[in-house]
Amino acid sequence: MSFASFKNVGLATHSILSYTMSKLTLEQIDLLATKQPLKKWSAAAIHMSGIILVSTVWISAGLFGLYILAFYAAALYGENLDKWNNILPGLYSPGSGTATTGIGLHFAAGGIILILGSIQLIGRVRNRFPALHRWIGRIYVVASLLTAAGGLVFIVAKGTIGGTVMDIGFSLYGLLMLLSAVETYRHAAAGHMKKHRAWALRLYALAIGSWLYRMDYGFWYFLTHNMGHTPQFTGPFDRIMAFFFYIPNLLVVEVFIRAKQYNASPFLNFFSAFLLLFMTTFLLIGTYFFTKFYWGPAILEWVAIL
């Protein structure tokens, strides 16, 4: 075969390959164009469902924070500390000054962090009012340290009603809150804002643990009539709850922190949005009933005293 023939074959092959590649490219472009709206809709769905869920958590946790301040402050004001035991037996015993001071500090500071924590996560507040964000942050961190320290003092001085398992679970919770509060402030002071925000999210996940503890027990009672629970908090469900009210929160936060590194498919986004809305529905139902029968009356009673 002559050189010209080889040249003609080469030109023909090149033409075929060029045509094929152009077709593949056009088909890929059409496919991407078809998927692009679906990807945008799925991203918008998970974004909106996330906003709805977070807003629900903020409102519900804020109401619970007000309830804590109202219920325990009203009992202290009325010199009726025995009333604390109506919520969790063994919180108050006459003559246990150290334990009472510790748990009182735990509840008072805990109500503050539930109210302030949600404000700190609002991006517009951080961006438009940085000085306000910093001052609230300082109060938030100090309150978190006091919440953790007060709870740990109570456990050391008296111990929880649930015994060793509950002591371990709640002590770990307090230690993790101490660590998160210190790291949140340390990275903010050093100007490491990415690490600061990550630790602030971990701290918030721990802060709402007390709220989730009540919500979980409320749903469990409604769905199972307290199966696995005992008055001494030593049942199988009680032992699980000694850790469950904060460890899953931290796992969710870790996934959220690393979420930007993962490009999820539209199907996964839609499925995640559905799960978020499902969780929001449960939280709204729980918030309604808790506010109607427990939180609301205590808050109104506190307002009347003031």
C-alpha atoms as a PDB file:
ATOM      1  CA  MET A   1       0.000   0.000   0.000  1.00  0.00           C
ATOM      2  CA  SER A   2       1.353   3.410  -0.945  1.00  0.00           C
ATOM      3  CA  PHE A   3       2.000   6.256   1.424  1.00  0.00           C
ATOM      4  CA  ALA A   4      -0.976   8.123  -0.065  1.00  0.00           C
ATOM      5  CA  SER A   5      -3.235   5.175   0.790  1.00  0.00           C
ATOM      6  CA  PHE A   6      -2.020   5.140   4.366  1.00  0.00           C
ATOM      7  CA  LYS A   7      -2.641   8.857   4.478  1.00  0.00           C
ATOM      8  CA  ASN A   8      -6.202   8.462   3.166  1.00  0.00           C
ATOM      9  CA  VAL A   9      -6.941   5.707   5.709  1.00  0.00           C
ATOM     10  CA  GLY A  10      -5.556   7.873   8.475  1.00  0.00           C
ATOM     11  CA  LEU A  11      -7.683  10.824   7.395  1.00  0.00           C
ATOM     12  CA  ALA A  12     -10.779   8.644   7.232  1.00  0.00           C
ATOM     13  CA  THR A  13     -10.126   7.196  10.697  1.00  0.00           C
ATOM     14  CA  HIS A  14      -9.550  10.666  12.086  1.00  0.00           C
ATOM     15  CA  SER A  15     -12.823  11.856  10.598  1.00  0.00           C
ATOM     16  CA  ILE A  16     -14.745   8.937  12.066  1.00  0.00           C
ATOM     17  CA  LEU A  17     -13.203   9.460  15.500  1.00  0.00           C
ATOM     18  CA  SER A  18     -13.869  13.192  15.367  1.00  0.00           C
ATOM     19  CA  TYR A  19     -17.490  12.593  14.386  1.00  0.00           C
ATOM     20  CA  THR A  20     -17.937   9.997  17.134  1.00  0.00           C
ATOM     21  CA  MET A  21     -16.393  12.221  19.793  1.00  0.00           C
ATOM     22  CA  SER A  22     -18.523  15.162  18.735  1.00  0.00           C
ATOM     23  CA  LYS A  23     -21.645  12.995  18.999  1.00  0.00           C
ATOM     24  CA  LEU A  24     -20.622  11.748  22.429  1.00  0.00           C
ATOM     25  CA  THR A  25     -19.915  15.269  23.549  1.00  0.00           C
ATOM     26  CA  LEU A  26     -23.294  16.480  22.335  1.00  0.00           C
ATOM     27  CA  GLU A  27     -25.046  13.576  24.001  1.00  0.00           C
ATOM     28  CA  GLN A  28     -23.200  14.245  27.266  1.00  0.00           C
ATOM     29  CA  ILE A  29     -24.153  17.911  27.079  1.00  0.00           C
ATOM     30  CA  ASP A  30     -27.803  16.986  26.481  1.00  0.00           C
ATOM     31  CA  LEU A  31     -27.669  14.543  29.391  1.00  0.00           C
ATOM     32  CA  LEU A  32     -26.154  17.137  31.699  1.00  0.00           C
ATOM     33  CA  ALA A  33     -28.719  19.690  30.572  1.00  0.00           C
ATOM     34  CA  THR A  34     -31.477  17.213  31.372  1.00  0.00           C
ATOM     35  CA  LYS A  35     -30.070  16.449  34.828  1.00  0.00           C
ATOM     36  CA  GLN A  36     -29.222  20.057  35.732  1.00  0.00           C
ATOM     37  CA  PRO A  37     -32.769  21.151  36.684  1.00  0.00           C
ATOM     38  CA  LEU A  38     -33.231  17.957  38.716  1.00  0.00           C
ATOM     39  CA  LYS A  39     -29.999  18.629  40.550  1.00  0.00           C
ATOM     40  CA  LYS A  40     -31.036  22.213  41.269  1.00  0.00           C
ATOM     41  CA  TRP A  41     -34.472  21.144  42.509  1.00  0.00           C
ATOM     42  CA  SER A  42     -32.999  18.460  44.753  1.00  0.00           C
ATOM     43  CA  ALA A  43     -30.460  20.888  46.196  1.00  0.00           C
ATOM     44  CA  ALA A  44     -33.216  23.446  46.807  1.00  0.00           C
ATOM     45  CA  ALA A  45     -35.376  20.765  48.457  1.00  0.00           C
ATOM     46  CA  ILE A  46     -32.720  19.719  50.955  1.00  0.00           C
ATOM     47  CA  HIS A  47     -31.789  23.365  51.581  1.00  0.00           C
ATOM     48  CA  MET A  48     -35.370  24.384  52.388  1.00  0.00           C
ATOM     49  CA  SER A  49     -36.091  21.279  54.458  1.00  0.00           C
ATOM     50  CA  GLY A  50     -32.894  21.941  56.407  1.00  0.00           C
ATOM     51  CA  ILE A  51     -33.976  25.528  57.114  1.00  0.00           C
ATOM     52  CA  ILE A  52     -37.406  24.333  58.296  1.00  0.00           C
ATOM     53  CA  LEU A  53     -35.846  21.716  60.577  1.00  0.00           C
ATOM     54  CA  VAL A  54     -33.286  24.102  62.065  1.00  0.00           C
ATOM     55  CA  SER A  55     -35.958  26.771  62.631  1.00  0.00           C
ATOM     56  CA  THR A  56     -38.121  24.201  64.401  1.00  0.00           C
ATOM     57  CA  VAL A  57     -35.194  23.156  66.596  1.00  0.00           C
ATOM     58  CA  TRP A  58     -34.422  26.783  67.431  1.00  0.00           C
ATOM     59  CA  ILE A  59     -38.013  27.586  68.448  1.00  0.00           C
ATOM     60  CA  SER A  60     -38.529  24.352  70.376  1.00  0.00           C
ATOM     61  CA  ALA A  61     -35.162  24.465  72.163  1.00  0.00           C
ATOM     62  CA  GLY A  62     -35.690  28.151  72.961  1.00  0.00           C
ATOM     63  CA  LEU A  63     -39.078  27.394  74.539  1.00  0.00           C
ATOM     64  CA  PHE A  64     -37.513  24.594  76.533  1.00  0.00           C
ATOM     65  CA  GLY A  65     -34.752  26.952  77.678  1.00  0.00           C
ATOM     66  CA  LEU A  66     -37.371  29.413  78.917  1.00  0.00           C
ATOM     67  CA  TYR A  67     -39.182  26.541  80.623  1.00  0.00           C
ATOM     68  CA  ILE A  68     -36.018  25.487  82.473  1.00  0.00           C
ATOM     69  CA  LEU A  69     -35.446  29.015  83.730  1.00  0.00           C
ATOM     70  CA  ALA A  70     -39.119  29.428  84.593  1.00  0.00           C
ATOM     71  CA  PHE A  71     -39.690  26.101  86.354  1.00  0.00           C
ATOM     72  CA  TYR A  72     -36.511  25.915  88.401  1.00  0.00           C
ATOM     73  CA  ALA A  73     -36.346  29.653  89.104  1.00  0.00           C
ATOM     74  CA  ALA A  74     -39.991  29.664  90.232  1.00  0.00           C
ATOM     75  CA  ALA A  75     -39.322  26.745  92.577  1.00  0.00           C
ATOM     76  CA  LEU A  76     -36.256  28.528  93.982  1.00  0.00           C
ATOM     77  CA  TYR A  77     -38.152  31.792  94.370  1.00  0.00           C
ATOM     78  CA  GLY A  78     -40.997  30.040  96.147  1.00  0.00           C
ATOM     79  CA  GLU A  79     -38.554  28.102  98.357  1.00  0.00           C
ATOM     80  CA  ASN A  80     -40.084  24.881  97.110  1.00  0.00           C
ATOM     81  CA  LEU A  81     -37.049  22.991  95.829  1.00  0.00           C
ATOM     82  CA  ASP A  82     -38.844  19.672  96.337  1.00  0.00           C
ATOM     83  CA  LYS A  83     -40.718  20.619  93.177  1.00  0.00           C
ATOM     84  CA  TRP A  84     -37.560  19.819  91.195  1.00  0.00           C
ATOM     85  CA  ASN A  85     -38.060  16.140  92.006  1.00  0.00           C
ATOM     86  CA  ASN A  86     -41.351  16.149  90.090  1.00  0.00           C
ATOM     87  CA  ILE A  87     -39.336  16.291  86.875  1.00  0.00           C
ATOM     88  CA  LEU A  88     -36.474  13.979  87.816  1.00  0.00           C
ATOM     89  CA  PRO A  89     -36.457  12.224  91.204  1.00  0.00           C
ATOM     90  CA  GLY A  90     -33.455  12.808  93.428  1.00  0.00           C
ATOM     91  CA  LEU A  91     -32.484  16.254  92.150  1.00  0.00           C
ATOM     92  CA  TYR A  92     -32.976  17.870  95.530  1.00  0.00           C
ATOM     93  CA  SER A  93     -32.378  16.525  98.993  1.00  0.00           C
ATOM     94  CA  PRO A  94     -32.304  18.661 102.168  1.00  0.00           C
ATOM     95  CA  GLY A  95     -28.773  19.050 103.465  1.00  0.00           C
ATOM     96  CA  SER A  96     -27.028  18.395 100.126  1.00  0.00           C
ATOM     97  CA  GLY A  97     -25.899  21.955  99.560  1.00  0.00           C
ATOM     98  CA  THR A  98     -23.056  21.182  97.135  1.00  0.00           C
ATOM     99  CA  ALA A  99     -25.188  18.951  94.912  1.00  0.00           C
ATOM    100  CA  THR A 100     -28.090  21.409  94.974  1.00  0.00           C
ATOM    101  CA  THR A 101     -25.819  24.302  94.023  1.00  0.00           C
ATOM    102  CA  GLY A 102     -24.298  22.264  91.203  1.00  0.00           C
ATOM    103  CA  ILE A 103     -27.603  21.163  89.687  1.00  0.00           C
ATOM    104  CA  GLY A 104     -29.098  24.644  90.139  1.00  0.00           C
ATOM    105  CA  LEU A 105     -26.158  26.156  88.266  1.00  0.00           C
ATOM    106  CA  HIS A 106     -26.498  23.454  85.622  1.00  0.00           C
ATOM    107  CA  PHE A 107     -30.150  24.287  84.960  1.00  0.00           C
ATOM    108  CA  ALA A 108     -29.792  28.071  85.104  1.00  0.00           C
ATOM    109  CA  ALA A 109     -26.824  28.183  82.711  1.00  0.00           C
ATOM    110  CA  GLY A 110     -28.366  25.424  80.584  1.00  0.00           C
ATOM    111  CA  GLY A 111     -31.465  27.525  79.949  1.00  0.00           C
ATOM    112  CA  ILE A 112     -29.250  30.402  78.822  1.00  0.00           C
ATOM    113  CA  ILE A 113     -27.285  28.349  76.282  1.00  0.00           C
ATOM    114  CA  LEU A 114     -30.474  26.907  74.794  1.00  0.00           C
ATOM    115  CA  ILE A 115     -31.759  30.419  74.147  1.00  0.00           C
ATOM    116  CA  LEU A 116     -28.506  32.025  72.996  1.00  0.00           C
ATOM    117  CA  GLY A 117     -27.165  29.103  70.959  1.00  0.00           C
ATOM    118  CA  SER A 118     -29.705  29.498  68.186  1.00  0.00           C
ATOM    119  CA  ILE A 119     -28.900  33.201  67.810  1.00  0.00           C
ATOM    120  CA  GLN A 120     -25.213  32.409  67.317  1.00  0.00           C
ATOM    121  CA  LEU A 121     -25.957  30.170  64.337  1.00  0.00           C
ATOM    122  CA  ILE A 122     -27.774  32.872  62.351  1.00  0.00           C
ATOM    123  CA  GLY A 123     -25.429  33.910  59.561  1.00  0.00           C
ATOM    124  CA  ARG A 124     -26.907  37.396  59.129  1.00  0.00           C
ATOM    125  CA  VAL A 125     -26.328  38.203  62.784  1.00  0.00           C
ATOM    126  CA  ARG A 126     -22.706  37.075  62.531  1.00  0.00           C
ATOM    127  CA  ASN A 127     -22.095  39.096  59.377  1.00  0.00           C
ATOM    128  CA  ARG A 128     -24.042  42.277  60.131  1.00  0.00           C
ATOM    129  CA  PHE A 129     -23.422  42.504  63.888  1.00  0.00           C
ATOM    130  CA  PRO A 130     -20.023  40.901  64.549  1.00  0.00           C
ATOM    131  CA  ALA A 131     -19.562  42.701  67.891  1.00  0.00           C
ATOM    132  CA  LEU A 132     -22.933  41.397  69.124  1.00  0.00           C
ATOM    133  CA  HIS A 133     -21.993  37.912  67.941  1.00  0.00           C
ATOM    134  CA  ARG A 134     -18.720  38.050  69.883  1.00  0.00           C
ATOM    135  CA  TRP A 135     -20.340  39.260  73.120  1.00  0.00           C
ATOM    136  CA  ILE A 136     -23.143  36.721  72.955  1.00  0.00           C
ATOM    137  CA  GLY A 137     -20.487  34.131  72.160  1.00  0.00           C
ATOM    138  CA  ARG A 138     -18.541  34.977  75.322  1.00  0.00           C
ATOM    139  CA  ILE A 139     -21.696  34.656  77.438  1.00  0.00           C
ATOM    140  CA  TYR A 140     -22.569  31.446  75.615  1.00  0.00           C
ATOM    141  CA  VAL A 141     -19.174  29.864  76.240  1.00  0.00           C
ATOM    142  CA  VAL A 142     -19.146  30.866  79.933  1.00  0.00           C
ATOM    143  CA  ALA A 143     -22.686  29.526  80.359  1.00  0.00           C
ATOM    144  CA  SER A 144     -21.651  26.273  78.667  1.00  0.00           C
ATOM    145  CA  LEU A 145     -18.711  25.898  81.041  1.00  0.00           C
ATOM    146  CA  LEU A 146     -20.970  26.534  84.030  1.00  0.00           C
ATOM    147  CA  THR A 147     -23.582  24.090  82.731  1.00  0.00           C
ATOM    148  CA  ALA A 148     -21.009  21.339  82.364  1.00  0.00           C
ATOM    149  CA  ALA A 149     -19.251  22.115  85.654  1.00  0.00           C
ATOM    150  CA  GLY A 150     -22.523  22.258  87.588  1.00  0.00           C
ATOM    151  CA  GLY A 151     -23.636  18.888  86.251  1.00  0.00           C
ATOM    152  CA  LEU A 152     -20.283  17.282  87.009  1.00  0.00           C
ATOM    153  CA  VAL A 153     -20.304  18.680  90.558  1.00  0.00           C
ATOM    154  CA  PHE A 154     -23.747  17.174  91.114  1.00  0.00           C
ATOM    155  CA  ILE A 155     -22.616  13.758  89.823  1.00  0.00           C
ATOM    156  CA  VAL A 156     -19.484  13.746  91.999  1.00  0.00           C
ATOM    157  CA  ALA A 157     -21.309  14.987  95.092  1.00  0.00           C
ATOM    158  CA  LYS A 158     -24.437  12.881  94.839  1.00  0.00           C
ATOM    159  CA  GLY A 159     -24.576  10.741  91.710  1.00  0.00           C
ATOM    160  CA  THR A 160     -27.477  10.364  89.300  1.00  0.00           C
ATOM    161  CA  ILE A 161     -30.622   8.417  90.019  1.00  0.00           C
ATOM    162  CA  GLY A 162     -29.751   5.880  87.308  1.00  0.00           C
ATOM    163  CA  GLY A 163     -26.549   4.678  88.947  1.00  0.00           C
ATOM    164  CA  THR A 164     -23.203   3.880  87.323  1.00  0.00           C
ATOM    165  CA  VAL A 165     -24.326   3.785  83.669  1.00  0.00           C
ATOM    166  CA  MET A 166     -26.115   7.105  83.952  1.00  0.00           C
ATOM    167  CA  ASP A 167     -23.178   8.590  85.888  1.00  0.00           C
ATOM    168  CA  ILE A 168     -20.791   7.594  83.086  1.00  0.00           C
ATOM    169  CA  GLY A 169     -23.052   8.776  80.284  1.00  0.00           C
ATOM    170  CA  PHE A 170     -23.816  12.143  81.865  1.00  0.00           C
ATOM    171  CA  SER A 171     -20.208  12.681  82.970  1.00  0.00           C
ATOM    172  CA  LEU A 172     -18.978  12.073  79.425  1.00  0.00           C
ATOM    173  CA  TYR A 173     -21.583  14.549  78.229  1.00  0.00           C
ATOM    174  CA  GLY A 174     -20.293  17.177  80.657  1.00  0.00           C
ATOM    175  CA  LEU A 175     -16.660  16.590  79.730  1.00  0.00           C
ATOM    176  CA  LEU A 176     -17.431  16.851  76.010  1.00  0.00           C
ATOM    177  CA  MET A 177     -19.266  20.121  76.636  1.00  0.00           C
ATOM    178  CA  LEU A 178     -16.270  21.479  78.562  1.00  0.00           C
ATOM    179  CA  LEU A 179     -13.952  20.504  75.703  1.00  0.00           C
ATOM    180  CA  SER A 180     -16.214  21.978  73.031  1.00  0.00           C
ATOM    181  CA  ALA A 181     -16.653  25.256  74.908  1.00  0.00           C
ATOM    182  CA  VAL A 182     -12.908  25.672  75.406  1.00  0.00           C
ATOM    183  CA  GLU A 183     -12.091  24.785  71.786  1.00  0.00           C
ATOM    184  CA  THR A 184     -14.829  27.089  70.451  1.00  0.00           C
ATOM    185  CA  TYR A 185     -13.349  30.056  72.294  1.00  0.00           C
ATOM    186  CA  ARG A 186      -9.712  29.075  71.688  1.00  0.00           C
ATOM    187  CA  HIS A 187     -10.064  28.907  67.896  1.00  0.00           C
ATOM    188  CA  ALA A 188     -12.102  32.130  67.776  1.00  0.00           C
ATOM    189  CA  ALA A 189      -9.424  33.969  69.750  1.00  0.00           C
ATOM    190  CA  ALA A 190      -6.719  32.558  67.455  1.00  0.00           C
ATOM    191  CA  GLY A 191      -8.621  33.588  64.325  1.00  0.00           C
ATOM    192  CA  HIS A 192      -9.100  30.021  63.095  1.00  0.00           C
ATOM    193  CA  MET A 193     -12.678  30.656  62.004  1.00  0.00           C
ATOM    194  CA  LYS A 194     -13.245  27.378  60.158  1.00  0.00           C
ATOM    195  CA  LYS A 195     -12.253  25.361  63.227  1.00  0.00           C
ATOM    196  CA  HIS A 196     -14.140  27.783  65.462  1.00  0.00           C
ATOM    197  CA  ARG A 197     -17.389  27.219  63.555  1.00  0.00           C
ATOM    198  CA  ALA A 198     -16.901  23.451  63.591  1.00  0.00           C
ATOM    199  CA  TRP A 199     -16.453  23.402  67.366  1.00  0.00           C
ATOM    200  CA  ALA A 200     -19.328  25.848  67.823  1.00  0.00           C
ATOM    201  CA  LEU A 201     -21.592  23.429  65.960  1.00  0.00           C
ATOM    202  CA  ARG A 202     -20.406  20.583  68.185  1.00  0.00           C
ATOM    203  CA  LEU A 203     -21.103  22.712  71.248  1.00  0.00           C
ATOM    204  CA  TYR A 204     -24.602  23.524  69.998  1.00  0.00           C
ATOM    205  CA  ALA A 205     -25.267  19.839  69.296  1.00  0.00           C
ATOM    206  CA  LEU A 206     -24.390  19.117  72.920  1.00  0.00           C
ATOM    207  CA  ALA A 207     -26.354  22.105  74.226  1.00  0.00           C
ATOM    208  CA  ILE A 208     -29.618  20.855  72.707  1.00  0.00           C
ATOM    209  CA  GLY A 209     -29.005  17.413  74.227  1.00  0.00           C
ATOM    210  CA  SER A 210     -31.050  18.214  77.344  1.00  0.00           C
ATOM    211  CA  TRP A 211     -33.937  19.303  75.132  1.00  0.00           C
ATOM    212  CA  LEU A 212     -33.706  16.143  73.034  1.00  0.00           C
ATOM    213  CA  TYR A 213     -33.550  14.050  76.212  1.00  0.00           C
ATOM    214  CA  ARG A 214     -37.031  15.261  77.184  1.00  0.00           C
ATOM    215  CA  MET A 215     -38.359  14.996  73.631  1.00  0.00           C
ATOM    216  CA  ASP A 216     -37.087  11.432  73.255  1.00  0.00           C
ATOM    217  CA  TYR A 217     -38.673  10.343  76.519  1.00  0.00           C
ATOM    218  CA  GLY A 218     -41.918  12.064  75.559  1.00  0.00           C
ATOM    219  CA  PHE A 219     -42.151  10.252  72.213  1.00  0.00           C
ATOM    220  CA  TRP A 220     -41.067   6.963  73.756  1.00  0.00           C
ATOM    221  CA  TYR A 221     -43.791   7.204  76.387  1.00  0.00           C
ATOM    222  CA  PHE A 222     -46.379   8.080  73.743  1.00  0.00           C
ATOM    223  CA  LEU A 223     -45.368   5.265  71.380  1.00  0.00           C
ATOM    224  CA  THR A 224     -44.509   2.459  73.836  1.00  0.00           C
ATOM    225  CA  HIS A 225     -45.993   3.527  77.200  1.00  0.00           C
ATOM    226  CA  ASN A 226     -42.480   3.673  78.684  1.00  0.00           C
ATOM    227  CA  MET A 227     -41.389   0.192  77.684  1.00  0.00           C
ATOM    228  CA  GLY A 228     -37.870  -0.429  79.012  1.00  0.00           C
ATOM    229  CA  HIS A 229     -38.104   2.440  81.505  1.00  0.00           C
ATOM    230  CA  THR A 230     -38.138   2.164  85.291  1.00  0.00           C
ATOM    231  CA  PRO A 231     -38.786   4.839  87.956  1.00  0.00           C
ATOM    232  CA  GLN A 232     -35.115   4.463  88.977  1.00  0.00           C
ATOM    233  CA  PHE A 233     -33.956   5.053  85.365  1.00  0.00           C
ATOM    234  CA  THR A 234     -32.210   1.686  85.257  1.00  0.00           C
ATOM    235  CA  GLY A 235     -34.211   0.037  82.452  1.00  0.00           C
ATOM    236  CA  PRO A 236     -32.763  -0.880  79.036  1.00  0.00           C
ATOM    237  CA  PHE A 237     -34.166   2.259  77.429  1.00  0.00           C
ATOM    238  CA  ASP A 238     -32.833   4.412  80.258  1.00  0.00           C
ATOM    239  CA  ARG A 239     -29.333   2.979  79.830  1.00  0.00           C
ATOM    240  CA  ILE A 240     -29.420   3.698  76.102  1.00  0.00           C
ATOM    241  CA  MET A 241     -30.680   7.229  76.698  1.00  0.00           C
ATOM    242  CA  ALA A 242     -27.752   7.937  79.030  1.00  0.00           C
ATOM    243  CA  PHE A 243     -25.684   8.254  75.827  1.00  0.00           C
ATOM    244  CA  PHE A 244     -28.245   8.555  73.027  1.00  0.00           C
ATOM    245  CA  PHE A 245     -29.306  12.141  73.792  1.00  0.00           C
ATOM    246  CA  TYR A 246     -25.970  13.567  72.634  1.00  0.00           C
ATOM    247  CA  ILE A 247     -23.853  11.035  70.672  1.00  0.00           C
ATOM    248  CA  PRO A 248     -26.151  10.922  67.592  1.00  0.00           C
ATOM    249  CA  ASN A 249     -26.192  14.744  67.610  1.00  0.00           C
ATOM    250  CA  LEU A 250     -22.410  14.830  67.375  1.00  0.00           C
ATOM    251  CA  LEU A 251     -22.423  12.266  64.553  1.00  0.00           C
ATOM    252  CA  VAL A 252     -24.937  14.355  62.576  1.00  0.00           C
ATOM    253  CA  VAL A 253     -22.801  17.462  63.082  1.00  0.00           C
ATOM    254  CA  GLU A 254     -19.671  15.652  61.878  1.00  0.00           C
ATOM    255  CA  VAL A 255     -21.536  14.610  58.717  1.00  0.00           C
ATOM    256  CA  PHE A 256     -22.732  18.199  58.246  1.00  0.00           C
ATOM    257  CA  ILE A 257     -19.210  19.616  58.687  1.00  0.00           C
ATOM    258  CA  ARG A 258     -17.884  17.292  55.994  1.00  0.00           C
ATOM    259  CA  ALA A 259     -20.951  17.531  53.724  1.00  0.00           C
ATOM    260  CA  LYS A 260     -19.402  20.129  51.424  1.00  0.00           C
ATOM    261  CA  GLN A 261     -16.743  17.614  50.413  1.00  0.00           C
ATOM    262  CA  TYR A 262     -19.356  15.239  49.030  1.00  0.00           C
ATOM    263  CA  ASN A 263     -21.381  15.793  45.840  1.00  0.00           C
ATOM    264  CA  ALA A 264     -24.635  13.971  46.519  1.00  0.00           C
ATOM    265  CA  SER A 265     -26.916  12.667  43.778  1.00  0.00           C
ATOM    266  CA  PRO A 266     -30.363  14.237  43.250  1.00  0.00           C
ATOM    267  CA  PHE A 267     -32.022  11.045  44.516  1.00  0.00           C
ATOM    268  CA  LEU A 268     -30.029  11.176  47.755  1.00  0.00           C
ATOM    269  CA  ASN A 269     -30.853  14.868  48.181  1.00  0.00           C
ATOM    270  CA  PHE A 270     -34.592  14.247  47.740  1.00  0.00           C
ATOM    271  CA  PHE A 271     -34.458  11.301  50.141  1.00  0.00           C
ATOM    272  CA  SER A 272     -32.552  13.363  52.712  1.00  0.00           C
ATOM    273  CA  ALA A 273     -35.060  16.207  52.344  1.00  0.00           C
ATOM    274  CA  PHE A 274     -37.896  13.756  53.000  1.00  0.00           C
ATOM    275  CA  LEU A 275     -36.175  12.480  56.160  1.00  0.00           C
ATOM    276  CA  LEU A 276     -35.587  16.035  57.393  1.00  0.00           C
ATOM    277  CA  LEU A 277     -39.251  16.937  56.875  1.00  0.00           C
ATOM    278  CA  PHE A 278     -40.291  13.710  58.606  1.00  0.00           C
ATOM    279  CA  MET A 279     -38.125  14.615  61.620  1.00  0.00           C
ATOM    280  CA  THR A 280     -39.515  18.167  61.581  1.00  0.00           C
ATOM    281  CA  THR A 281     -43.080  16.826  61.737  1.00  0.00           C
ATOM    282  CA  PHE A 282     -42.278  14.774  64.827  1.00  0.00           C
ATOM    283  CA  LEU A 283     -40.556  17.730  66.487  1.00  0.00           C
ATOM    284  CA  LEU A 284     -43.480  20.049  65.760  1.00  0.00           C
ATOM    285  CA  ILE A 285     -45.939  17.562  67.258  1.00  0.00           C
ATOM    286  CA  GLY A 286     -43.735  17.084  70.324  1.00  0.00           C
ATOM    287  CA  THR A 287     -43.189  20.822  70.755  1.00  0.00           C
ATOM    288  CA  TYR A 288     -46.936  21.473  70.574  1.00  0.00           C
ATOM    289  CA  PHE A 289     -47.823  18.974  73.293  1.00  0.00           C
ATOM    290  CA  PHE A 290     -44.883  19.821  75.555  1.00  0.00           C
ATOM    291  CA  THR A 291     -45.637  23.543  75.268  1.00  0.00           C
ATOM    292  CA  LYS A 292     -49.345  23.020  75.910  1.00  0.00           C
ATOM    293  CA  PHE A 293     -49.043  20.775  78.953  1.00  0.00           C
ATOM    294  CA  TYR A 294     -45.608  21.488  80.482  1.00  0.00           C
ATOM    295  CA  TRP A 295     -43.502  24.325  79.115  1.00  0.00           C
ATOM    296  CA  GLY A 296     -46.250  26.882  78.507  1.00  0.00           C
ATOM    297  CA  PRO A 297     -47.901  26.735  81.949  1.00  0.00           C
ATOM    298  CA  ALA A 298     -44.531  26.959  83.718  1.00  0.00           C
ATOM    299  CA  ILE A 299     -43.461  29.960  81.614  1.00  0.00           C
ATOM    300  CA  LEU A 300     -46.769  31.733  82.227  1.00  0.00           C
ATOM    301  CA  GLU A 301     -46.485  31.051  85.959  1.00  0.00           C
ATOM    302  CA  TRP A 302     -43.001  32.544  85.950  1.00  0.00           C
ATOM    303  CA  VAL A 303     -44.215  35.623  84.075  1.00  0.00           C
ATOM    304  CA  ALA A 304     -46.987  36.065  86.629  1.00  0.00           C
ATOM    305  CA  ILE A 305     -44.427  35.986  89.454  1.00  0.00           C
ATOM    306  CA  LEU A 306     -42.322  38.630  87.738  1.00  0.00           C
END
